[in-house]
Amino acid sequence: MNHIELSCSYCDAAVVSGRHMVAGESVCKPCYTAERRHQELVRCLKIQPSEPRPSTLYKPRLCIDGDSWCALHGGNLQDGVAGFGYSPAEAYADFDKSWNEKLQKKPEHQKEGS
């Protein structure tokens, strides 16, 4: 059986087609494992998500940053949304949390032009 080299649908790592699949897409082993753990947790806790997770909808890039995983949507940490963790699942969960956080307002005395 011939395998085709593809990119992981979550983190763009090289993968072999048909090896690990999530929702019909090829993914690398760490992302596959993280997604399977998330699915098992949902099943065990009988959680029925009312809407898809931001990390599933927006598919942030997944990379290693020092001793942590980073899930980043956007060009950089300053302008984008990021999540960090010691596993891809933790990074995606932190990303989901960060996605829903509001920007903090600067105090009046710190605003530019004042």
N, C-alpha and C. Protein backbone atom coordinates (compact mmCIF):
# COMPACT_ATOMS: atom_id res chain seq x y z
N MET A 1 0.83 -1.17 0.00
CA MET A 1 0.00 0.00 0.00
C MET A 1 0.88 1.24 0.00
N ASN A 2 0.66 2.16 -0.94
CA ASN A 2 1.45 3.38 -1.03
C ASN A 2 0.91 4.44 -0.09
N HIS A 3 1.83 5.10 0.60
CA HIS A 3 1.45 6.19 1.50
C HIS A 3 1.92 7.50 0.88
N ILE A 4 1.16 8.55 1.10
CA ILE A 4 1.48 9.87 0.57
C ILE A 4 1.87 10.76 1.74
N GLU A 5 2.97 11.54 1.58
CA GLU A 5 3.38 12.49 2.61
C GLU A 5 2.44 13.68 2.59
N LEU A 6 1.86 14.01 3.75
CA LEU A 6 0.96 15.15 3.91
C LEU A 6 1.41 15.98 5.09
N SER A 7 0.71 17.07 5.35
CA SER A 7 0.95 17.88 6.54
C SER A 7 -0.18 17.64 7.53
N CYS A 8 0.17 17.64 8.82
CA CYS A 8 -0.84 17.50 9.87
C CYS A 8 -1.83 18.64 9.77
N SER A 9 -3.11 18.33 9.88
CA SER A 9 -4.16 19.34 9.78
C SER A 9 -4.13 20.33 10.95
N TYR A 10 -3.48 19.96 12.05
CA TYR A 10 -3.41 20.84 13.22
C TYR A 10 -2.11 21.64 13.27
N CYS A 11 -0.96 20.96 13.08
CA CYS A 11 0.32 21.65 13.35
C CYS A 11 1.26 21.69 12.15
N ASP A 12 0.87 21.20 11.00
CA ASP A 12 1.67 21.21 9.76
C ASP A 12 2.90 20.29 9.78
N ALA A 13 3.02 19.41 10.78
CA ALA A 13 4.11 18.44 10.78
C ALA A 13 3.88 17.44 9.64
N ALA A 14 4.96 16.85 9.14
CA ALA A 14 4.83 15.86 8.07
C ALA A 14 4.18 14.59 8.63
N VAL A 15 3.22 14.05 7.90
CA VAL A 15 2.55 12.82 8.30
C VAL A 15 2.40 11.92 7.08
N VAL A 16 2.16 10.64 7.35
CA VAL A 16 1.89 9.68 6.29
C VAL A 16 0.38 9.51 6.21
N SER A 17 -0.19 9.62 5.03
CA SER A 17 -1.64 9.54 4.88
C SER A 17 -2.17 8.21 5.40
N GLY A 18 -3.32 8.27 6.03
CA GLY A 18 -3.98 7.08 6.51
C GLY A 18 -3.49 6.54 7.83
N ARG A 19 -2.41 7.07 8.37
CA ARG A 19 -1.86 6.54 9.62
C ARG A 19 -2.71 6.97 10.80
N HIS A 20 -2.91 8.28 11.00
CA HIS A 20 -3.74 8.81 12.08
C HIS A 20 -4.74 9.76 11.45
N MET A 21 -6.02 9.53 11.74
CA MET A 21 -7.07 10.34 11.13
C MET A 21 -7.97 10.94 12.20
N VAL A 22 -8.32 12.22 12.03
CA VAL A 22 -9.30 12.90 12.87
C VAL A 22 -10.27 13.59 11.93
N ALA A 23 -11.53 13.26 12.01
CA ALA A 23 -12.58 13.85 11.16
C ALA A 23 -12.19 13.77 9.68
N GLY A 24 -11.60 12.64 9.28
CA GLY A 24 -11.25 12.43 7.89
C GLY A 24 -9.99 13.13 7.43
N GLU A 25 -9.26 13.76 8.35
CA GLU A 25 -8.03 14.48 7.99
C GLU A 25 -6.83 13.79 8.64
N SER A 26 -5.69 13.79 7.95
CA SER A 26 -4.48 13.19 8.50
C SER A 26 -3.86 14.13 9.52
N VAL A 27 -3.45 13.56 10.65
CA VAL A 27 -2.81 14.34 11.70
C VAL A 27 -1.60 13.58 12.23
N CYS A 28 -0.66 14.30 12.87
CA CYS A 28 0.52 13.66 13.44
C CYS A 28 0.15 12.95 14.73
N LYS A 29 1.04 12.09 15.22
CA LYS A 29 0.73 11.29 16.40
C LYS A 29 0.44 12.13 17.64
N PRO A 30 1.24 13.20 17.97
CA PRO A 30 0.90 14.00 19.17
C PRO A 30 -0.49 14.64 19.08
N CYS A 31 -0.85 15.17 17.92
CA CYS A 31 -2.17 15.80 17.77
C CYS A 31 -3.27 14.75 17.81
N TYR A 32 -3.02 13.60 17.21
CA TYR A 32 -3.99 12.50 17.23
C TYR A 32 -4.24 12.07 18.67
N THR A 33 -3.15 11.91 19.42
CA THR A 33 -3.26 11.49 20.81
C THR A 33 -4.01 12.52 21.63
N ALA A 34 -3.69 13.81 21.43
CA ALA A 34 -4.36 14.88 22.17
C ALA A 34 -5.85 14.91 21.85
N GLU A 35 -6.19 14.77 20.59
CA GLU A 35 -7.60 14.80 20.19
C GLU A 35 -8.34 13.57 20.73
N ARG A 36 -7.69 12.41 20.71
CA ARG A 36 -8.33 11.20 21.26
C ARG A 36 -8.56 11.34 22.75
N ARG A 37 -7.59 11.93 23.47
CA ARG A 37 -7.76 12.14 24.91
C ARG A 37 -8.92 13.09 25.18
N HIS A 38 -9.02 14.15 24.38
CA HIS A 38 -10.12 15.10 24.53
C HIS A 38 -11.46 14.39 24.28
N GLN A 39 -11.53 13.60 23.23
CA GLN A 39 -12.77 12.88 22.91
C GLN A 39 -13.14 11.91 24.04
N GLU A 40 -12.15 11.24 24.61
CA GLU A 40 -12.42 10.30 25.70
C GLU A 40 -12.91 11.05 26.93
N LEU A 41 -12.30 12.19 27.24
CA LEU A 41 -12.75 13.00 28.37
C LEU A 41 -14.19 13.45 28.18
N VAL A 42 -14.53 13.88 26.99
CA VAL A 42 -15.91 14.29 26.70
C VAL A 42 -16.85 13.12 26.91
N ARG A 43 -16.47 11.94 26.42
CA ARG A 43 -17.31 10.74 26.61
C ARG A 43 -17.45 10.38 28.08
N CYS A 44 -16.33 10.39 28.81
CA CYS A 44 -16.36 9.99 30.21
C CYS A 44 -17.19 10.94 31.06
N LEU A 45 -17.09 12.20 30.80
CA LEU A 45 -17.83 13.19 31.58
C LEU A 45 -19.22 13.45 31.03
N LYS A 46 -19.53 12.78 29.91
CA LYS A 46 -20.82 12.96 29.25
C LYS A 46 -21.10 14.43 28.95
N ILE A 47 -20.05 15.11 28.51
CA ILE A 47 -20.18 16.51 28.14
C ILE A 47 -20.62 16.56 26.69
N GLN A 48 -21.63 17.32 26.42
CA GLN A 48 -22.06 17.54 25.05
C GLN A 48 -21.78 19.01 24.71
N PRO A 49 -20.63 19.29 24.08
CA PRO A 49 -20.32 20.68 23.78
C PRO A 49 -21.42 21.31 22.92
N SER A 50 -21.87 22.49 23.33
CA SER A 50 -22.93 23.17 22.59
C SER A 50 -22.38 23.81 21.31
N GLU A 51 -21.09 24.06 21.30
CA GLU A 51 -20.46 24.62 20.10
C GLU A 51 -19.04 24.08 19.99
N PRO A 52 -18.48 24.08 18.80
CA PRO A 52 -17.12 23.55 18.63
C PRO A 52 -16.09 24.37 19.40
N ARG A 53 -15.03 23.71 19.80
CA ARG A 53 -13.93 24.40 20.48
C ARG A 53 -13.23 25.35 19.51
N PRO A 54 -12.79 26.53 19.99
CA PRO A 54 -12.05 27.46 19.12
C PRO A 54 -10.82 26.80 18.48
N SER A 55 -10.14 25.92 19.24
CA SER A 55 -8.95 25.27 18.69
C SER A 55 -9.31 24.33 17.55
N THR A 56 -10.52 23.80 17.54
CA THR A 56 -10.98 22.94 16.45
C THR A 56 -11.42 23.78 15.25
N LEU A 57 -12.09 24.89 15.53
CA LEU A 57 -12.57 25.76 14.44
C LEU A 57 -11.44 26.47 13.72
N TYR A 58 -10.52 27.07 14.49
CA TYR A 58 -9.50 27.95 13.91
C TYR A 58 -8.16 27.28 13.69
N LYS A 59 -7.99 26.07 14.20
CA LYS A 59 -6.78 25.26 14.00
C LYS A 59 -5.49 26.07 14.16
N PRO A 60 -5.21 26.51 15.38
CA PRO A 60 -3.97 27.26 15.60
C PRO A 60 -2.75 26.40 15.30
N ARG A 61 -1.65 27.06 14.90
CA ARG A 61 -0.39 26.33 14.68
C ARG A 61 0.09 25.78 16.00
N LEU A 62 0.61 24.59 15.98
CA LEU A 62 1.13 23.95 17.18
C LEU A 62 2.64 23.82 17.03
N CYS A 63 3.40 24.33 18.00
CA CYS A 63 4.86 24.24 17.94
C CYS A 63 5.40 24.09 19.36
N ILE A 64 6.66 23.71 19.44
CA ILE A 64 7.31 23.58 20.74
C ILE A 64 8.02 24.89 21.04
N ASP A 65 7.80 25.41 22.26
CA ASP A 65 8.41 26.66 22.72
C ASP A 65 9.13 26.36 24.02
N GLY A 66 10.43 26.12 23.95
CA GLY A 66 11.19 25.73 25.13
C GLY A 66 10.75 24.34 25.59
N ASP A 67 10.22 24.27 26.82
CA ASP A 67 9.76 22.98 27.35
C ASP A 67 8.24 22.85 27.30
N SER A 68 7.58 23.70 26.52
CA SER A 68 6.12 23.69 26.42
C SER A 68 5.67 23.63 24.97
N TRP A 69 4.42 23.26 24.79
CA TRP A 69 3.77 23.35 23.49
C TRP A 69 3.07 24.70 23.41
N CYS A 70 3.02 25.27 22.22
CA CYS A 70 2.34 26.55 21.99
C CYS A 70 1.35 26.36 20.85
N ALA A 71 0.10 26.75 21.08
CA ALA A 71 -0.92 26.78 20.04
C ALA A 71 -1.16 28.25 19.73
N LEU A 72 -0.83 28.69 18.50
CA LEU A 72 -0.88 30.11 18.14
C LEU A 72 -1.74 30.33 16.91
N HIS A 73 -2.68 31.25 17.03
CA HIS A 73 -3.49 31.70 15.89
C HIS A 73 -3.15 33.17 15.68
N GLY A 74 -2.58 33.48 14.53
CA GLY A 74 -2.15 34.85 14.25
C GLY A 74 -0.67 34.88 13.94
N GLY A 75 -0.20 36.05 13.56
CA GLY A 75 1.18 36.18 13.13
C GLY A 75 2.22 36.09 14.23
N ASN A 76 1.86 36.51 15.45
CA ASN A 76 2.81 36.50 16.55
C ASN A 76 2.05 36.56 17.88
N LEU A 77 2.79 36.45 18.98
CA LEU A 77 2.15 36.43 20.30
C LEU A 77 1.50 37.76 20.64
N GLN A 78 2.06 38.86 20.16
CA GLN A 78 1.53 40.19 20.46
C GLN A 78 0.15 40.41 19.83
N ASP A 79 -0.01 40.00 18.59
CA ASP A 79 -1.24 40.28 17.84
C ASP A 79 -2.19 39.10 17.76
N GLY A 80 -1.73 37.92 18.14
CA GLY A 80 -2.56 36.72 17.99
C GLY A 80 -3.11 36.23 19.30
N VAL A 81 -3.65 35.03 19.26
CA VAL A 81 -4.17 34.34 20.44
C VAL A 81 -3.32 33.09 20.62
N ALA A 82 -2.88 32.84 21.86
CA ALA A 82 -2.00 31.69 22.10
C ALA A 82 -2.42 30.94 23.35
N GLY A 83 -2.06 29.68 23.37
CA GLY A 83 -2.24 28.84 24.54
C GLY A 83 -0.99 28.01 24.73
N PHE A 84 -0.64 27.71 25.98
CA PHE A 84 0.58 26.96 26.29
C PHE A 84 0.26 25.79 27.20
N GLY A 85 1.05 24.74 27.11
CA GLY A 85 0.89 23.59 27.98
C GLY A 85 2.00 22.60 27.77
N TYR A 86 2.07 21.62 28.67
CA TYR A 86 3.11 20.60 28.58
C TYR A 86 2.74 19.47 27.63
N SER A 87 1.55 19.55 27.05
CA SER A 87 1.13 18.60 26.01
C SER A 87 0.31 19.38 24.99
N PRO A 88 0.15 18.84 23.80
CA PRO A 88 -0.70 19.53 22.82
C PRO A 88 -2.12 19.74 23.36
N ALA A 89 -2.65 18.76 24.10
CA ALA A 89 -4.01 18.90 24.65
C ALA A 89 -4.09 20.08 25.62
N GLU A 90 -3.06 20.23 26.47
CA GLU A 90 -3.04 21.36 27.41
C GLU A 90 -2.92 22.68 26.67
N ALA A 91 -2.10 22.72 25.61
CA ALA A 91 -1.95 23.94 24.83
C ALA A 91 -3.26 24.32 24.15
N TYR A 92 -3.97 23.33 23.58
CA TYR A 92 -5.26 23.61 22.95
C TYR A 92 -6.29 24.07 23.98
N ALA A 93 -6.30 23.45 25.16
CA ALA A 93 -7.25 23.85 26.21
C ALA A 93 -6.97 25.29 26.67
N ASP A 94 -5.68 25.63 26.81
CA ASP A 94 -5.32 26.99 27.21
C ASP A 94 -5.67 27.98 26.09
N PHE A 95 -5.48 27.56 24.83
CA PHE A 95 -5.87 28.39 23.69
C PHE A 95 -7.38 28.67 23.74
N ASP A 96 -8.18 27.63 23.98
CA ASP A 96 -9.63 27.80 24.05
C ASP A 96 -10.00 28.81 25.13
N LYS A 97 -9.32 28.73 26.28
CA LYS A 97 -9.57 29.66 27.37
C LYS A 97 -9.16 31.08 26.96
N SER A 98 -7.99 31.21 26.35
CA SER A 98 -7.50 32.53 25.92
C SER A 98 -8.40 33.15 24.86
N TRP A 99 -8.97 32.31 23.99
CA TRP A 99 -9.83 32.80 22.91
C TRP A 99 -11.01 33.60 23.47
N ASN A 100 -11.51 33.17 24.62
CA ASN A 100 -12.70 33.78 25.20
C ASN A 100 -12.41 34.91 26.18
N GLU A 101 -11.13 35.19 26.45
CA GLU A 101 -10.77 36.27 27.36
C GLU A 101 -10.90 37.62 26.66
N LYS A 102 -11.36 38.61 27.40
CA LYS A 102 -11.48 39.96 26.87
C LYS A 102 -10.17 40.71 27.06
N LEU A 103 -9.92 41.68 26.18
CA LEU A 103 -8.75 42.53 26.35
C LEU A 103 -8.93 43.37 27.60
N GLN A 104 -7.83 43.58 28.30
CA GLN A 104 -7.89 44.44 29.48
C GLN A 104 -7.70 45.89 29.06
N LYS A 105 -8.50 46.78 29.62
CA LYS A 105 -8.38 48.20 29.30
C LYS A 105 -7.21 48.78 30.07
N LYS A 106 -6.49 49.70 29.41
CA LYS A 106 -5.40 50.40 30.07
C LYS A 106 -6.00 51.49 30.95
N PRO A 107 -5.40 51.73 32.13
CA PRO A 107 -5.85 52.84 32.95
C PRO A 107 -5.69 54.16 32.20
N GLU A 108 -6.51 55.14 32.50
CA GLU A 108 -6.51 56.43 31.80
C GLU A 108 -5.11 57.04 31.74
N HIS A 109 -4.33 56.97 32.84
CA HIS A 109 -3.02 57.62 32.85
C HIS A 109 -1.99 56.90 31.98
N GLN A 110 -2.28 55.67 31.50
CA GLN A 110 -1.35 54.93 30.64
C GLN A 110 -1.71 55.02 29.17
N LYS A 111 -2.84 55.61 28.82
CA LYS A 111 -3.23 55.70 27.43
C LYS A 111 -2.28 56.61 26.67
N GLU A 112 -2.00 56.25 25.43
CA GLU A 112 -1.11 57.05 24.59
C GLU A 112 -1.77 58.38 24.26
N GLY A 113 -0.94 59.42 24.20
CA GLY A 113 -1.43 60.74 23.82
C GLY A 113 -2.04 61.51 24.98
N SER A 114 -1.99 60.95 26.18
CA SER A 114 -2.54 61.65 27.35
C SER A 114 -1.46 62.36 28.09
